[in-house]
Amino acid sequence: MKATEIKNKSDAELQTELESIRKEQFNLRMQRGAGQEVRPHIWREAKKNIARIKTVQRERQQSGDQS
């Protein structure tokens, strides 16, 4: 997911997206704990997407722009 896509979403959509990515990350962590192979690029992508969403949320909070 690109930063421009994230910036075009509303706050509610961002929150929903963040929750779904965190669930995916949890499932990946459980797979790794169970001894299954988890492709590292999927893990990194989930972490980066979480960071991107949280950055946009923080920017909106600081600027007072609640779109």
N, C-alpha and C. Protein backbone atom coordinates (compact mmCIF):
# COMPACT_ATOMS: atom_id res chain seq x y z
N MET A 1 0.84 -1.16 0.00
CA MET A 1 0.00 0.00 0.00
C MET A 1 0.89 1.23 0.00
N LYS A 2 0.58 2.18 -0.87
CA LYS A 2 1.39 3.37 -0.98
C LYS A 2 0.86 4.48 -0.07
N ALA A 3 1.72 5.40 0.26
CA ALA A 3 1.35 6.49 1.15
C ALA A 3 0.24 7.35 0.56
N THR A 4 0.23 7.53 -0.75
CA THR A 4 -0.82 8.34 -1.37
C THR A 4 -2.18 7.67 -1.23
N GLU A 5 -2.21 6.35 -1.31
CA GLU A 5 -3.46 5.62 -1.12
C GLU A 5 -3.97 5.79 0.31
N ILE A 6 -3.06 5.77 1.24
CA ILE A 6 -3.42 5.90 2.65
C ILE A 6 -3.95 7.30 2.94
N LYS A 7 -3.32 8.31 2.37
CA LYS A 7 -3.72 9.69 2.63
C LYS A 7 -5.11 10.00 2.06
N ASN A 8 -5.52 9.26 1.05
CA ASN A 8 -6.83 9.50 0.44
C ASN A 8 -7.97 8.83 1.19
N LYS A 9 -7.67 8.02 2.18
CA LYS A 9 -8.70 7.32 2.94
C LYS A 9 -9.16 8.16 4.13
N SER A 10 -10.38 7.90 4.57
CA SER A 10 -10.90 8.61 5.75
C SER A 10 -10.32 7.99 7.02
N ASP A 11 -10.56 8.65 8.14
CA ASP A 11 -10.05 8.15 9.41
C ASP A 11 -10.64 6.79 9.76
N ALA A 12 -11.93 6.61 9.49
CA ALA A 12 -12.57 5.32 9.79
C ALA A 12 -11.99 4.21 8.92
N GLU A 13 -11.74 4.51 7.66
CA GLU A 13 -11.15 3.51 6.77
C GLU A 13 -9.74 3.16 7.21
N LEU A 14 -8.99 4.16 7.66
CA LEU A 14 -7.63 3.90 8.14
C LEU A 14 -7.65 3.01 9.37
N GLN A 15 -8.58 3.27 10.28
CA GLN A 15 -8.67 2.46 11.49
C GLN A 15 -9.02 1.02 11.15
N THR A 16 -9.94 0.83 10.22
CA THR A 16 -10.31 -0.52 9.78
C THR A 16 -9.14 -1.23 9.13
N GLU A 17 -8.42 -0.51 8.28
CA GLU A 17 -7.26 -1.07 7.60
C GLU A 17 -6.17 -1.44 8.61
N LEU A 18 -5.96 -0.59 9.61
CA LEU A 18 -4.96 -0.86 10.64
C LEU A 18 -5.31 -2.13 11.41
N GLU A 19 -6.57 -2.27 11.76
CA GLU A 19 -7.00 -3.47 12.49
C GLU A 19 -6.79 -4.73 11.66
N SER A 20 -7.10 -4.67 10.37
CA SER A 20 -6.95 -5.87 9.53
C SER A 20 -5.47 -6.23 9.35
N ILE A 21 -4.61 -5.22 9.23
CA ILE A 21 -3.17 -5.50 9.08
C ILE A 21 -2.62 -6.07 10.38
N ARG A 22 -3.09 -5.57 11.51
CA ARG A 22 -2.62 -6.12 12.79
C ARG A 22 -3.07 -7.56 12.99
N LYS A 23 -4.28 -7.89 12.53
CA LYS A 23 -4.74 -9.28 12.59
C LYS A 23 -3.88 -10.16 11.71
N GLU A 24 -3.55 -9.65 10.52
CA GLU A 24 -2.68 -10.40 9.62
C GLU A 24 -1.31 -10.62 10.26
N GLN A 25 -0.78 -9.58 10.89
CA GLN A 25 0.52 -9.68 11.55
C GLN A 25 0.46 -10.70 12.69
N PHE A 26 -0.63 -10.71 13.44
CA PHE A 26 -0.80 -11.68 14.51
C PHE A 26 -0.80 -13.10 13.95
N ASN A 27 -1.53 -13.31 12.85
CA ASN A 27 -1.58 -14.63 12.23
C ASN A 27 -0.22 -15.07 11.73
N LEU A 28 0.54 -14.15 11.19
CA LEU A 28 1.90 -14.47 10.75
C LEU A 28 2.77 -14.86 11.94
N ARG A 29 2.61 -14.16 13.05
CA ARG A 29 3.38 -14.47 14.25
C ARG A 29 3.02 -15.85 14.79
N MET A 30 1.73 -16.19 14.73
CA MET A 30 1.30 -17.52 15.19
C MET A 30 1.83 -18.62 14.27
N GLN A 31 1.85 -18.35 12.98
CA GLN A 31 2.41 -19.33 12.04
C GLN A 31 3.89 -19.57 12.31
N ARG A 32 4.61 -18.49 12.55
CA ARG A 32 6.04 -18.62 12.83
C ARG A 32 6.25 -19.37 14.14
N GLY A 33 5.42 -19.11 15.13
CA GLY A 33 5.52 -19.80 16.42
C GLY A 33 5.20 -21.28 16.31
N ALA A 34 4.35 -21.63 15.34
CA ALA A 34 3.99 -23.03 15.14
C ALA A 34 5.01 -23.76 14.29
N GLY A 35 6.04 -23.06 13.85
CA GLY A 35 7.09 -23.70 13.08
C GLY A 35 6.88 -23.66 11.58
N GLN A 36 5.88 -22.96 11.14
CA GLN A 36 5.66 -22.86 9.70
C GLN A 36 6.56 -21.79 9.11
N GLU A 37 6.85 -21.93 7.83
CA GLU A 37 7.65 -20.94 7.14
C GLU A 37 6.80 -19.71 6.86
N VAL A 38 7.30 -18.55 7.23
CA VAL A 38 6.64 -17.29 6.92
C VAL A 38 7.60 -16.50 6.05
N ARG A 39 7.10 -16.09 4.90
CA ARG A 39 7.96 -15.34 3.99
C ARG A 39 8.28 -13.97 4.60
N PRO A 40 9.56 -13.64 4.72
CA PRO A 40 9.96 -12.41 5.42
C PRO A 40 9.42 -11.15 4.77
N HIS A 41 9.24 -11.13 3.46
CA HIS A 41 8.78 -9.91 2.82
C HIS A 41 7.34 -9.57 3.22
N ILE A 42 6.53 -10.57 3.53
CA ILE A 42 5.15 -10.31 3.97
C ILE A 42 5.18 -9.67 5.35
N TRP A 43 6.05 -10.16 6.21
CA TRP A 43 6.20 -9.62 7.57
C TRP A 43 6.65 -8.15 7.51
N ARG A 44 7.66 -7.87 6.68
CA ARG A 44 8.17 -6.50 6.55
C ARG A 44 7.11 -5.57 5.97
N GLU A 45 6.37 -6.05 4.99
CA GLU A 45 5.33 -5.25 4.36
C GLU A 45 4.24 -4.87 5.37
N ALA A 46 3.86 -5.80 6.22
CA ALA A 46 2.84 -5.53 7.23
C ALA A 46 3.34 -4.46 8.21
N LYS A 47 4.59 -4.59 8.64
CA LYS A 47 5.15 -3.61 9.57
C LYS A 47 5.20 -2.22 8.95
N LYS A 48 5.60 -2.15 7.69
CA LYS A 48 5.70 -0.85 7.02
C LYS A 48 4.33 -0.22 6.82
N ASN A 49 3.34 -1.04 6.48
CA ASN A 49 1.99 -0.50 6.29
C ASN A 49 1.42 0.03 7.59
N ILE A 50 1.68 -0.67 8.70
CA ILE A 50 1.24 -0.18 10.00
C ILE A 50 1.89 1.17 10.29
N ALA A 51 3.17 1.28 10.03
CA ALA A 51 3.89 2.53 10.28
C ALA A 51 3.34 3.66 9.41
N ARG A 52 3.05 3.36 8.15
CA ARG A 52 2.52 4.39 7.25
C ARG A 52 1.16 4.89 7.74
N ILE A 53 0.29 3.97 8.14
CA ILE A 53 -1.03 4.36 8.60
C ILE A 53 -0.94 5.19 9.87
N LYS A 54 -0.10 4.76 10.81
CA LYS A 54 0.04 5.49 12.06
C LYS A 54 0.64 6.88 11.82
N THR A 55 1.52 7.00 10.85
CA THR A 55 2.11 8.29 10.53
C THR A 55 1.05 9.25 10.00
N VAL A 56 0.22 8.77 9.09
CA VAL A 56 -0.85 9.61 8.53
C VAL A 56 -1.83 9.99 9.62
N GLN A 57 -2.19 9.06 10.49
CA GLN A 57 -3.11 9.37 11.59
C GLN A 57 -2.51 10.44 12.49
N ARG A 58 -1.24 10.33 12.79
CA ARG A 58 -0.57 11.30 13.66
C ARG A 58 -0.50 12.67 13.00
N GLU A 59 -0.20 12.71 11.69
CA GLU A 59 -0.17 13.97 10.97
C GLU A 59 -1.52 14.66 11.02
N ARG A 60 -2.59 13.90 10.81
CA ARG A 60 -3.93 14.47 10.84
C ARG A 60 -4.28 14.98 12.24
N GLN A 61 -3.85 14.24 13.25
CA GLN A 61 -4.14 14.64 14.61
C GLN A 61 -3.44 15.95 14.94
N GLN A 62 -2.21 16.08 14.51
CA GLN A 62 -1.44 17.30 14.80
C GLN A 62 -1.95 18.50 14.03
N SER A 63 -2.41 18.28 12.80
CA SER A 63 -2.85 19.41 11.99
C SER A 63 -4.31 19.79 12.30
N GLY A 64 -5.03 18.89 12.96
CA GLY A 64 -6.42 19.16 13.26
C GLY A 64 -7.34 18.86 12.10
N ASP A 65 -6.80 18.28 11.04
CA ASP A 65 -7.60 17.93 9.86
C ASP A 65 -8.17 16.54 10.05
N GLN A 66 -9.44 16.46 10.40
CA GLN A 66 -10.11 15.17 10.63
C GLN A 66 -11.02 14.87 9.45
N SER A 67 -10.46 14.39 8.35
CA SER A 67 -11.27 14.07 7.16
C SER A 67 -11.61 12.61 7.09
